[in-house]
N, C-alpha and C. Protein backbone atom coordinates (compact mmCIF):
# COMPACT_ATOMS: atom_id res chain seq x y z
N UNK A 1 0.86 -1.20 0.00
CA UNK A 1 0.00 -0.02 0.00
C UNK A 1 0.89 1.25 -0.02
N UNK A 2 0.63 2.14 -0.92
CA UNK A 2 1.46 3.32 -0.99
C UNK A 2 1.04 4.32 0.11
N UNK A 3 2.00 5.05 0.60
CA UNK A 3 1.78 5.95 1.74
C UNK A 3 1.52 7.36 1.22
N UNK A 4 0.31 7.98 1.55
CA UNK A 4 0.07 9.35 1.12
C UNK A 4 1.10 10.30 1.70
N UNK A 5 1.70 11.10 0.90
CA UNK A 5 2.69 12.07 1.39
C UNK A 5 2.29 13.46 0.96
N UNK A 6 2.01 14.35 1.87
CA UNK A 6 1.58 15.70 1.49
C UNK A 6 2.71 16.46 0.84
N UNK A 7 2.38 17.21 -0.23
CA UNK A 7 3.36 18.04 -0.88
C UNK A 7 3.48 19.33 -0.08
N UNK A 8 4.61 20.07 -0.24
CA UNK A 8 4.74 21.36 0.43
C UNK A 8 3.61 22.28 0.17
N UNK A 9 3.11 22.29 -1.06
CA UNK A 9 2.04 23.20 -1.43
C UNK A 9 0.72 22.88 -0.75
N UNK A 10 0.64 21.61 -0.31
CA UNK A 10 -0.65 21.15 0.29
C UNK A 10 -0.70 21.37 1.81
N UNK A 11 0.43 21.80 2.38
CA UNK A 11 0.47 22.01 3.84
C UNK A 11 -0.12 23.40 4.13
N UNK A 12 -1.24 23.39 4.85
CA UNK A 12 -1.92 24.65 5.16
C UNK A 12 -1.10 25.48 6.09
N UNK A 13 -1.22 26.80 5.97
CA UNK A 13 -0.44 27.70 6.82
C UNK A 13 -1.01 27.76 8.21
N UNK A 14 -0.19 27.64 9.23
CA UNK A 14 -0.63 27.75 10.64
C UNK A 14 -0.41 29.15 11.17
N UNK A 15 -1.16 29.50 12.22
CA UNK A 15 -1.14 30.83 12.74
C UNK A 15 0.20 31.15 13.41
N UNK A 16 0.79 30.20 14.17
CA UNK A 16 1.91 30.55 14.99
C UNK A 16 3.24 30.34 14.27
N UNK A 17 3.27 29.46 13.28
CA UNK A 17 4.45 29.25 12.48
C UNK A 17 5.67 28.82 13.34
N UNK A 18 5.41 28.05 14.39
CA UNK A 18 6.53 27.56 15.18
C UNK A 18 7.21 26.41 14.49
N UNK A 19 6.44 25.61 13.75
CA UNK A 19 6.96 24.46 13.07
C UNK A 19 7.27 24.77 11.62
N UNK A 20 8.42 24.39 11.18
CA UNK A 20 8.81 24.68 9.77
C UNK A 20 8.00 23.82 8.83
N UNK A 21 8.08 24.20 7.56
CA UNK A 21 7.37 23.41 6.54
C UNK A 21 7.83 21.96 6.53
N UNK A 22 9.14 21.77 6.65
CA UNK A 22 9.64 20.40 6.70
C UNK A 22 9.16 19.61 7.90
N UNK A 23 9.09 20.29 9.07
CA UNK A 23 8.56 19.63 10.27
C UNK A 23 7.08 19.27 10.11
N UNK A 24 6.34 20.16 9.48
CA UNK A 24 4.92 19.88 9.28
C UNK A 24 4.73 18.67 8.35
N UNK A 25 5.46 18.65 7.25
CA UNK A 25 5.35 17.55 6.33
C UNK A 25 5.75 16.24 7.02
N UNK A 26 6.78 16.32 7.81
CA UNK A 26 7.23 15.13 8.56
C UNK A 26 6.16 14.61 9.51
N UNK A 27 5.54 15.51 10.24
CA UNK A 27 4.49 15.14 11.20
C UNK A 27 3.26 14.60 10.50
N UNK A 28 2.87 15.18 9.39
CA UNK A 28 1.74 14.66 8.63
C UNK A 28 2.04 13.30 8.06
N UNK A 29 3.26 13.10 7.58
CA UNK A 29 3.67 11.79 7.06
C UNK A 29 3.62 10.76 8.20
N UNK A 30 4.12 11.16 9.36
CA UNK A 30 4.11 10.28 10.52
C UNK A 30 2.67 9.87 10.87
N UNK A 31 1.75 10.84 10.85
CA UNK A 31 0.34 10.53 11.20
C UNK A 31 -0.26 9.53 10.23
N UNK A 32 -0.01 9.71 8.93
CA UNK A 32 -0.49 8.73 7.94
C UNK A 32 0.14 7.37 8.20
N UNK A 33 1.45 7.33 8.43
CA UNK A 33 2.18 6.06 8.57
C UNK A 33 1.74 5.35 9.85
N UNK A 34 1.40 6.10 10.92
CA UNK A 34 0.91 5.49 12.14
C UNK A 34 -0.34 4.72 11.91
N UNK A 35 -1.25 5.27 11.08
CA UNK A 35 -2.50 4.58 10.77
C UNK A 35 -2.26 3.35 9.89
N UNK A 36 -1.46 3.53 8.85
CA UNK A 36 -1.19 2.41 7.94
C UNK A 36 -0.39 1.30 8.60
N UNK A 37 0.53 1.63 9.48
CA UNK A 37 1.31 0.62 10.15
C UNK A 37 0.45 -0.24 11.07
N UNK A 38 -0.60 0.38 11.65
CA UNK A 38 -1.47 -0.37 12.48
C UNK A 38 -2.29 -1.36 11.66
N UNK A 39 -2.77 -0.95 10.51
CA UNK A 39 -3.52 -1.83 9.62
C UNK A 39 -2.62 -2.94 9.12
N UNK A 40 -1.36 -2.61 8.79
CA UNK A 40 -0.43 -3.60 8.24
C UNK A 40 0.31 -4.37 9.32
N UNK A 41 0.05 -4.10 10.59
CA UNK A 41 0.64 -4.80 11.70
C UNK A 41 2.17 -4.76 11.64
N UNK A 42 2.69 -3.56 11.46
CA UNK A 42 4.12 -3.38 11.50
C UNK A 42 4.48 -2.24 12.44
N UNK A 43 5.71 -2.26 12.93
CA UNK A 43 6.16 -1.21 13.87
C UNK A 43 6.77 -0.05 13.12
N UNK A 44 6.68 1.14 13.67
CA UNK A 44 7.38 2.29 13.10
C UNK A 44 8.18 2.93 14.24
N UNK A 45 9.35 3.52 13.92
CA UNK A 45 10.15 4.14 14.95
C UNK A 45 9.46 5.42 15.44
N UNK A 46 9.51 5.60 16.76
CA UNK A 46 8.85 6.77 17.38
C UNK A 46 9.86 7.63 18.13
N UNK A 47 11.14 7.51 17.74
CA UNK A 47 12.14 8.41 18.36
C UNK A 47 12.11 9.73 17.61
N UNK A 48 11.87 10.86 18.36
CA UNK A 48 11.85 12.15 17.68
C UNK A 48 13.11 12.41 16.90
N UNK A 49 13.01 12.85 15.64
CA UNK A 49 14.18 13.08 14.83
C UNK A 49 14.94 14.35 15.12
N UNK A 50 14.30 15.29 15.85
CA UNK A 50 14.96 16.54 16.20
C UNK A 50 14.63 16.92 17.64
N UNK A 51 15.43 17.79 18.22
CA UNK A 51 15.19 18.23 19.59
C UNK A 51 13.86 18.96 19.68
N UNK A 52 13.52 19.73 18.67
CA UNK A 52 12.25 20.46 18.67
C UNK A 52 11.09 19.52 18.71
N UNK A 53 11.10 18.45 17.94
CA UNK A 53 10.00 17.52 17.89
C UNK A 53 9.98 16.56 19.10
N UNK A 54 10.99 16.72 19.98
CA UNK A 54 10.98 15.92 21.21
C UNK A 54 10.38 16.69 22.39
N UNK A 55 10.00 17.97 22.14
CA UNK A 55 9.40 18.79 23.19
C UNK A 55 7.98 18.30 23.50
N UNK A 56 7.62 18.15 24.75
CA UNK A 56 6.26 17.71 25.11
C UNK A 56 5.20 18.78 24.68
N UNK A 57 4.17 18.31 24.06
CA UNK A 57 3.07 19.16 23.63
C UNK A 57 1.75 18.41 23.60
N UNK A 58 0.67 19.12 23.85
CA UNK A 58 -0.66 18.59 23.62
C UNK A 58 -0.85 18.58 22.07
N UNK A 59 -1.61 17.64 21.58
CA UNK A 59 -1.84 17.58 20.16
C UNK A 59 -3.18 16.87 19.87
N UNK A 60 -3.86 17.34 18.77
CA UNK A 60 -5.06 16.69 18.30
C UNK A 60 -4.89 16.29 16.86
N UNK A 61 -5.34 15.12 16.49
CA UNK A 61 -5.39 14.72 15.10
C UNK A 61 -6.82 14.54 14.66
N UNK A 62 -7.17 15.24 13.59
CA UNK A 62 -8.48 15.14 12.98
C UNK A 62 -8.36 14.46 11.63
N UNK A 63 -9.21 13.46 11.36
CA UNK A 63 -9.21 12.73 10.12
C UNK A 63 -10.45 13.09 9.32
N UNK A 64 -10.28 13.27 8.00
CA UNK A 64 -11.37 13.58 7.10
C UNK A 64 -11.40 12.62 5.95
N UNK A 65 -12.58 12.22 5.56
CA UNK A 65 -12.73 11.34 4.41
C UNK A 65 -13.84 11.93 3.54
N UNK A 66 -13.44 12.30 2.30
CA UNK A 66 -14.36 12.97 1.36
C UNK A 66 -15.01 14.21 1.98
N UNK A 67 -14.22 14.92 2.76
CA UNK A 67 -14.68 16.18 3.35
C UNK A 67 -15.47 16.06 4.63
N UNK A 68 -15.69 14.84 5.10
CA UNK A 68 -16.45 14.61 6.31
C UNK A 68 -15.50 14.15 7.42
N UNK A 69 -15.79 14.59 8.64
CA UNK A 69 -14.98 14.14 9.80
C UNK A 69 -15.04 12.65 9.90
N UNK A 70 -13.86 12.02 10.11
CA UNK A 70 -13.80 10.54 10.22
C UNK A 70 -13.19 10.10 11.56
N UNK A 71 -12.78 11.07 12.39
CA UNK A 71 -12.24 10.77 13.70
C UNK A 71 -11.42 11.93 14.19
N UNK A 72 -11.46 12.14 15.51
CA UNK A 72 -10.64 13.19 16.12
C UNK A 72 -10.36 12.81 17.58
N UNK A 73 -9.06 12.73 17.89
CA UNK A 73 -8.62 12.36 19.24
C UNK A 73 -7.42 13.22 19.55
N UNK A 74 -7.26 13.62 20.82
CA UNK A 74 -6.09 14.40 21.16
C UNK A 74 -5.74 14.38 22.61
N UNK A 75 -4.57 14.94 22.91
CA UNK A 75 -4.08 15.16 24.26
C UNK A 75 -4.16 16.64 24.55
N UNK A 76 -4.89 17.01 25.61
CA UNK A 76 -4.95 18.41 25.98
C UNK A 76 -3.63 18.86 26.56
N UNK A 77 -3.08 18.06 27.44
CA UNK A 77 -1.86 18.42 28.14
C UNK A 77 -0.63 17.82 27.45
N UNK A 78 0.52 18.37 27.77
CA UNK A 78 1.79 17.92 27.18
C UNK A 78 2.26 16.67 27.89
N UNK A 79 1.71 15.53 27.54
CA UNK A 79 2.07 14.29 28.21
C UNK A 79 3.16 13.51 27.53
N UNK A 80 3.53 13.87 26.30
CA UNK A 80 4.55 13.13 25.57
C UNK A 80 5.13 14.07 24.50
N UNK A 81 6.32 13.73 23.95
CA UNK A 81 6.89 14.54 22.88
C UNK A 81 5.94 14.69 21.73
N UNK A 82 5.96 15.85 21.07
CA UNK A 82 5.00 16.15 20.01
C UNK A 82 5.06 15.04 18.94
N UNK A 83 6.22 14.54 18.63
CA UNK A 83 6.36 13.50 17.57
C UNK A 83 5.56 12.28 17.95
N UNK A 84 5.70 11.83 19.20
CA UNK A 84 4.99 10.64 19.69
C UNK A 84 3.50 10.95 19.84
N UNK A 85 3.18 12.18 20.32
CA UNK A 85 1.76 12.55 20.49
C UNK A 85 1.02 12.50 19.15
N UNK A 86 1.65 12.96 18.12
CA UNK A 86 1.01 12.93 16.77
C UNK A 86 0.76 11.45 16.37
N UNK A 87 1.76 10.60 16.53
CA UNK A 87 1.59 9.22 16.14
C UNK A 87 0.48 8.54 16.93
N UNK A 88 0.45 8.78 18.21
CA UNK A 88 -0.53 8.13 19.08
C UNK A 88 -1.94 8.66 18.84
N UNK A 89 -2.09 9.97 18.65
CA UNK A 89 -3.44 10.52 18.45
C UNK A 89 -3.96 10.19 17.07
N UNK A 90 -3.10 10.08 16.06
CA UNK A 90 -3.53 9.65 14.72
C UNK A 90 -4.06 8.22 14.77
N UNK A 91 -3.32 7.37 15.47
CA UNK A 91 -3.78 5.99 15.59
C UNK A 91 -5.10 5.90 16.35
N UNK A 92 -5.20 6.68 17.42
CA UNK A 92 -6.44 6.64 18.21
C UNK A 92 -7.60 7.23 17.44
N UNK A 93 -7.39 8.28 16.65
CA UNK A 93 -8.48 8.90 15.88
C UNK A 93 -9.00 7.90 14.84
N UNK A 94 -8.10 7.06 14.31
CA UNK A 94 -8.48 6.13 13.28
C UNK A 94 -9.22 4.89 13.83
N UNK A 95 -8.83 4.49 15.04
CA UNK A 95 -9.33 3.20 15.50
C UNK A 95 -10.03 3.23 16.87
N UNK A 96 -9.98 4.33 17.58
CA UNK A 96 -10.51 4.35 18.94
C UNK A 96 -11.56 5.43 19.18
N UNK A 97 -11.87 6.28 18.22
CA UNK A 97 -12.92 7.25 18.39
C UNK A 97 -14.25 6.54 18.31
N UNK A 98 -14.94 6.42 19.42
CA UNK A 98 -16.12 5.55 19.51
C UNK A 98 -17.31 6.13 18.71
N UNK A 99 -17.21 7.33 18.19
CA UNK A 99 -18.25 7.87 17.36
C UNK A 99 -18.25 7.26 15.93
N UNK A 100 -17.14 6.58 15.62
CA UNK A 100 -16.97 6.07 14.24
C UNK A 100 -16.50 4.63 14.29
N UNK A 101 -16.79 3.88 13.23
CA UNK A 101 -16.18 2.53 13.13
C UNK A 101 -14.73 2.71 12.70
N UNK A 102 -13.88 1.73 13.01
CA UNK A 102 -12.45 1.86 12.71
C UNK A 102 -12.21 2.07 11.21
N UNK A 103 -11.19 2.84 10.95
CA UNK A 103 -10.77 3.09 9.56
C UNK A 103 -10.37 1.77 8.89
N UNK A 104 -10.79 1.57 7.68
CA UNK A 104 -10.48 0.32 6.96
C UNK A 104 -9.23 0.48 6.10
N UNK A 105 -8.71 -0.61 5.63
CA UNK A 105 -7.55 -0.62 4.73
C UNK A 105 -7.85 0.16 3.45
N UNK A 106 -9.11 0.07 2.99
CA UNK A 106 -9.47 0.75 1.76
C UNK A 106 -9.56 2.26 1.97
N UNK A 107 -9.98 2.68 3.15
CA UNK A 107 -10.13 4.11 3.40
C UNK A 107 -8.84 4.78 3.69
N UNK A 108 -7.89 4.13 4.28
CA UNK A 108 -6.67 4.75 4.76
C UNK A 108 -5.95 5.64 3.77
N UNK A 109 -5.74 5.19 2.51
CA UNK A 109 -4.99 6.06 1.56
C UNK A 109 -5.72 7.32 1.23
N UNK A 110 -7.08 7.36 1.42
CA UNK A 110 -7.83 8.53 1.04
C UNK A 110 -8.03 9.53 2.17
N UNK A 111 -7.55 9.19 3.35
CA UNK A 111 -7.74 10.10 4.52
C UNK A 111 -6.97 11.37 4.33
N UNK A 112 -7.57 12.49 4.74
CA UNK A 112 -6.86 13.77 4.86
C UNK A 112 -6.75 14.08 6.36
N UNK A 113 -5.60 14.54 6.73
CA UNK A 113 -5.25 14.73 8.13
C UNK A 113 -5.04 16.22 8.45
N UNK A 114 -5.57 16.62 9.60
CA UNK A 114 -5.32 17.96 10.12
C UNK A 114 -4.76 17.82 11.53
N UNK A 115 -3.64 18.48 11.82
CA UNK A 115 -3.01 18.40 13.11
C UNK A 115 -3.12 19.74 13.82
N UNK A 116 -3.39 19.69 15.11
CA UNK A 116 -3.42 20.90 15.94
C UNK A 116 -2.45 20.67 17.07
N UNK A 117 -1.35 21.46 17.08
CA UNK A 117 -0.33 21.31 18.13
C UNK A 117 -0.63 22.44 19.14
N UNK A 118 -0.82 22.05 20.40
CA UNK A 118 -1.31 22.99 21.40
C UNK A 118 -0.21 23.60 22.28
N UNK A 119 -0.41 24.84 22.67
CA UNK A 119 0.41 25.43 23.73
C UNK A 119 -0.20 24.98 25.07
N UNK A 120 0.57 25.09 26.16
CA UNK A 120 0.01 24.71 27.46
C UNK A 120 -1.17 25.59 27.86
N UNK A 121 -2.25 25.02 28.37
CA UNK A 121 -3.42 25.82 28.80
C UNK A 121 -3.07 26.76 29.96
N UNK A 122 -3.56 27.94 29.93
CA UNK A 122 -3.34 28.96 30.96
C UNK A 122 -4.68 29.55 31.40
N UNK A 123 -4.84 29.84 32.71
CA UNK A 123 -6.10 30.47 33.15
C UNK A 123 -6.32 31.79 32.41
N UNK A 124 -7.60 32.07 32.14
CA UNK A 124 -7.99 33.25 31.43
C UNK A 124 -9.33 33.73 31.92
N UNK A 125 -9.58 35.01 31.87
CA UNK A 125 -10.91 35.50 32.19
C UNK A 125 -11.78 35.43 30.95
N UNK A 126 -13.07 35.31 31.17
CA UNK A 126 -14.01 35.19 30.05
C UNK A 126 -13.86 36.38 29.11
N UNK A 127 -13.66 37.56 29.67
CA UNK A 127 -13.60 38.77 28.85
C UNK A 127 -12.37 38.84 27.98
N UNK A 128 -11.36 38.03 28.34
CA UNK A 128 -10.10 38.07 27.57
C UNK A 128 -10.06 37.05 26.42
N UNK A 129 -11.05 36.19 26.31
CA UNK A 129 -11.08 35.16 25.28
C UNK A 129 -11.23 35.84 23.91
N UNK A 130 -10.35 35.48 23.00
CA UNK A 130 -10.38 36.03 21.62
C UNK A 130 -10.69 34.96 20.63
N UNK A 131 -11.76 35.18 19.84
CA UNK A 131 -12.15 34.25 18.79
C UNK A 131 -11.07 34.21 17.71
N UNK A 132 -10.69 33.02 17.31
CA UNK A 132 -9.65 32.85 16.30
C UNK A 132 -8.28 32.73 16.85
N UNK A 133 -8.08 33.13 18.12
CA UNK A 133 -6.78 33.03 18.75
C UNK A 133 -6.75 31.95 19.79
N UNK A 134 -7.80 31.85 20.60
CA UNK A 134 -7.80 30.92 21.75
C UNK A 134 -8.64 29.72 21.49
N UNK A 135 -8.16 28.56 21.95
CA UNK A 135 -9.00 27.40 22.22
C UNK A 135 -9.35 27.45 23.71
N UNK A 136 -10.41 26.72 24.07
CA UNK A 136 -10.84 26.79 25.45
C UNK A 136 -10.92 25.39 26.07
N UNK A 137 -10.56 25.41 27.36
CA UNK A 137 -10.72 24.22 28.22
C UNK A 137 -11.48 24.72 29.45
N UNK A 138 -12.68 24.17 29.67
CA UNK A 138 -13.50 24.58 30.78
C UNK A 138 -13.77 23.37 31.67
N UNK A 139 -13.58 23.49 32.99
CA UNK A 139 -13.71 22.37 33.89
C UNK A 139 -14.40 22.79 35.16
N UNK A 140 -15.18 21.83 35.73
CA UNK A 140 -15.86 22.03 36.99
C UNK A 140 -16.38 20.71 37.53
N UNK A 141 -16.14 20.44 38.78
CA UNK A 141 -16.70 19.27 39.47
C UNK A 141 -16.38 17.96 38.75
N UNK A 142 -15.15 17.86 38.22
CA UNK A 142 -14.76 16.63 37.53
C UNK A 142 -15.13 16.57 36.07
N UNK A 143 -15.89 17.54 35.55
CA UNK A 143 -16.25 17.57 34.17
C UNK A 143 -15.32 18.51 33.43
N UNK A 144 -15.00 18.16 32.18
CA UNK A 144 -14.06 19.00 31.41
C UNK A 144 -14.41 18.94 29.94
N UNK A 145 -14.36 20.10 29.29
CA UNK A 145 -14.64 20.13 27.87
C UNK A 145 -13.62 21.02 27.16
N UNK A 146 -13.33 20.68 25.90
CA UNK A 146 -12.32 21.41 25.14
C UNK A 146 -12.86 21.66 23.74
N UNK A 147 -12.59 22.83 23.19
CA UNK A 147 -12.85 23.13 21.79
C UNK A 147 -11.63 23.86 21.25
N UNK A 148 -11.21 23.49 20.07
CA UNK A 148 -10.02 24.03 19.43
C UNK A 148 -10.32 25.42 18.88
N UNK A 149 -9.27 26.24 18.67
CA UNK A 149 -9.46 27.62 18.20
C UNK A 149 -10.25 27.78 16.94
N UNK A 150 -10.08 26.84 16.00
CA UNK A 150 -10.72 26.98 14.71
C UNK A 150 -12.24 26.72 14.76
N UNK A 151 -12.74 26.06 15.83
CA UNK A 151 -14.12 25.72 15.87
C UNK A 151 -15.06 26.94 15.89
N UNK A 152 -14.86 27.92 16.77
CA UNK A 152 -15.81 29.06 16.77
C UNK A 152 -15.71 29.88 15.49
N UNK A 153 -14.55 29.92 14.86
CA UNK A 153 -14.42 30.65 13.59
C UNK A 153 -15.28 29.97 12.50
N UNK A 154 -15.18 28.67 12.43
CA UNK A 154 -15.90 27.95 11.39
C UNK A 154 -17.41 27.95 11.60
N UNK A 155 -17.82 28.06 12.88
CA UNK A 155 -19.25 28.08 13.20
C UNK A 155 -19.80 29.51 13.35
N UNK A 156 -18.93 30.52 13.21
CA UNK A 156 -19.33 31.93 13.32
C UNK A 156 -19.93 32.23 14.70
N UNK A 157 -19.29 31.71 15.74
CA UNK A 157 -19.73 31.97 17.11
C UNK A 157 -19.12 33.25 17.63
N UNK A 158 -19.85 33.95 18.52
CA UNK A 158 -19.25 35.01 19.26
C UNK A 158 -18.65 34.44 20.56
N UNK A 159 -18.05 35.31 21.37
CA UNK A 159 -17.36 34.85 22.57
C UNK A 159 -18.30 34.08 23.52
N UNK A 160 -19.47 34.64 23.75
CA UNK A 160 -20.41 33.99 24.69
C UNK A 160 -20.80 32.62 24.19
N UNK A 161 -21.12 32.48 22.92
CA UNK A 161 -21.49 31.17 22.38
C UNK A 161 -20.37 30.19 22.49
N UNK A 162 -19.14 30.65 22.25
CA UNK A 162 -17.96 29.78 22.37
C UNK A 162 -17.84 29.26 23.81
N UNK A 163 -18.01 30.12 24.77
CA UNK A 163 -17.92 29.73 26.17
C UNK A 163 -19.07 28.77 26.46
N UNK A 164 -20.25 29.03 26.00
CA UNK A 164 -21.39 28.16 26.29
C UNK A 164 -21.20 26.79 25.64
N UNK A 165 -20.73 26.75 24.44
CA UNK A 165 -20.54 25.49 23.73
C UNK A 165 -19.43 24.66 24.31
N UNK A 166 -18.42 25.30 24.87
CA UNK A 166 -17.39 24.54 25.58
C UNK A 166 -17.93 23.94 26.85
N UNK A 167 -18.80 24.71 27.54
CA UNK A 167 -19.48 24.13 28.74
C UNK A 167 -20.31 22.94 28.33
N UNK A 168 -21.03 23.09 27.24
CA UNK A 168 -21.86 22.00 26.72
C UNK A 168 -21.00 20.76 26.40
N UNK A 169 -19.86 20.98 25.82
CA UNK A 169 -18.96 19.86 25.51
C UNK A 169 -18.53 19.15 26.77
N UNK A 170 -18.42 19.90 27.87
CA UNK A 170 -18.01 19.31 29.18
C UNK A 170 -19.17 18.62 29.86
N UNK A 171 -20.38 18.74 29.36
CA UNK A 171 -21.53 18.22 30.06
C UNK A 171 -22.01 19.07 31.20
N UNK A 172 -21.62 20.34 31.13
CA UNK A 172 -22.00 21.30 32.17
C UNK A 172 -23.14 22.22 31.67
N UNK A 173 -23.88 22.89 32.58
CA UNK A 173 -24.86 23.89 32.12
C UNK A 173 -24.17 24.95 31.28
N UNK A 174 -24.90 25.51 30.33
CA UNK A 174 -24.28 26.49 29.41
C UNK A 174 -23.74 27.71 30.12
N UNK A 175 -24.28 28.01 31.29
CA UNK A 175 -23.77 29.19 32.01
C UNK A 175 -22.74 28.86 33.09
N UNK A 176 -22.22 27.63 33.04
CA UNK A 176 -21.21 27.25 34.07
C UNK A 176 -20.00 28.18 34.02
N UNK A 177 -19.68 28.72 32.88
CA UNK A 177 -18.50 29.61 32.80
C UNK A 177 -18.67 30.85 33.66
N UNK A 178 -19.94 31.17 33.99
CA UNK A 178 -20.20 32.33 34.85
C UNK A 178 -20.39 31.96 36.33
N UNK A 179 -20.38 30.61 36.58
CA UNK A 179 -20.74 30.12 37.91
C UNK A 179 -19.72 29.12 38.47
N UNK A 180 -18.50 29.56 38.47
CA UNK A 180 -17.48 28.84 39.20
C UNK A 180 -16.60 27.88 38.37
N UNK A 181 -16.92 27.69 37.08
CA UNK A 181 -16.07 26.81 36.28
C UNK A 181 -14.71 27.47 36.04
N UNK A 182 -13.70 26.64 35.91
CA UNK A 182 -12.35 27.13 35.61
C UNK A 182 -12.21 27.25 34.08
N UNK A 183 -11.81 28.43 33.62
CA UNK A 183 -11.65 28.68 32.19
C UNK A 183 -10.14 28.79 31.90
N UNK A 184 -9.70 27.95 30.98
CA UNK A 184 -8.29 28.01 30.52
C UNK A 184 -8.28 28.14 29.01
N UNK A 185 -7.28 28.86 28.52
CA UNK A 185 -7.13 29.07 27.08
C UNK A 185 -5.80 28.55 26.58
N UNK A 186 -5.76 28.19 25.33
CA UNK A 186 -4.50 27.74 24.69
C UNK A 186 -4.55 28.19 23.25
N UNK A 187 -3.38 28.24 22.63
CA UNK A 187 -3.34 28.51 21.20
C UNK A 187 -2.98 27.20 20.50
N UNK A 188 -3.18 27.16 19.20
CA UNK A 188 -2.86 25.94 18.44
C UNK A 188 -2.29 26.32 17.09
N UNK A 189 -1.27 25.64 16.70
CA UNK A 189 -0.76 25.73 15.34
C UNK A 189 -1.41 24.61 14.53
N UNK A 190 -2.24 24.99 13.57
CA UNK A 190 -3.07 24.07 12.82
C UNK A 190 -2.59 23.96 11.40
N UNK A 191 -2.33 22.71 10.96
CA UNK A 191 -1.94 22.52 9.54
C UNK A 191 -2.37 21.13 9.12
N UNK A 192 -2.48 20.94 7.80
CA UNK A 192 -2.98 19.69 7.35
C UNK A 192 -2.71 19.42 5.89
N UNK A 193 -3.23 18.31 5.42
CA UNK A 193 -3.05 17.91 4.01
C UNK A 193 -3.72 18.91 3.08
N UNK A 194 -4.80 19.49 3.51
CA UNK A 194 -5.52 20.47 2.70
C UNK A 194 -6.50 21.21 3.61
N UNK A 195 -7.11 22.21 3.07
CA UNK A 195 -8.15 22.88 3.82
C UNK A 195 -9.47 22.15 3.50
N UNK A 196 -10.33 21.99 4.53
CA UNK A 196 -11.49 21.19 4.40
C UNK A 196 -12.76 22.02 4.29
N UNK A 197 -13.70 21.49 3.52
CA UNK A 197 -14.96 22.21 3.37
C UNK A 197 -15.86 22.05 4.59
N UNK A 198 -15.72 20.98 5.34
CA UNK A 198 -16.53 20.75 6.50
C UNK A 198 -15.95 21.39 7.73
N UNK A 199 -16.78 21.66 8.79
CA UNK A 199 -16.29 22.29 9.99
C UNK A 199 -15.53 21.30 10.86
N UNK A 200 -14.65 21.81 11.71
CA UNK A 200 -13.95 20.98 12.68
C UNK A 200 -14.91 20.63 13.79
N UNK A 201 -14.99 19.41 14.15
CA UNK A 201 -15.86 18.90 15.21
C UNK A 201 -15.05 18.04 16.13
N UNK A 202 -15.22 18.20 17.43
CA UNK A 202 -14.51 17.33 18.39
C UNK A 202 -15.44 16.34 18.96
């Protein structure tokens, strides 16, 4: 089975530009190979090739098939090197997202991948949340919900709706952000095989 490899022209531009074009292509290639290697029952090396890619980061991998979401799994916190986080979340998005059946051998070559590499979450006031810049993590009483920065932009939400929808994702009342919930924000460098017509959904 041939391995899809994104061309430089196909790598979407990210907001923060921390990762070089070569690093983005490498991470996207790794995400594809992580899925294919699971189907083919083979091992792939997970030693980060550079010091930069060995830095711990939160990461989300979103999979798309024919423009529709096919899986999305991620780590909010920096629990492993970004290189390993991408490999692990790609595999989990393909085979462990319970909203979807596992990716098949026939589907794998056609998957388009979008990666979101997260900065560490930091406490923020509701008034300081900026649409298009911040992702949100809201937690209270053991419940926690997260939405990536691109989600409110794609859905044309204002700040209040973004806060409410993150509470909803956590299983909390929509107004929990005003009633004792902890609000944290993070930024994300988002890049992928292509830009997608469908919205990002977690």
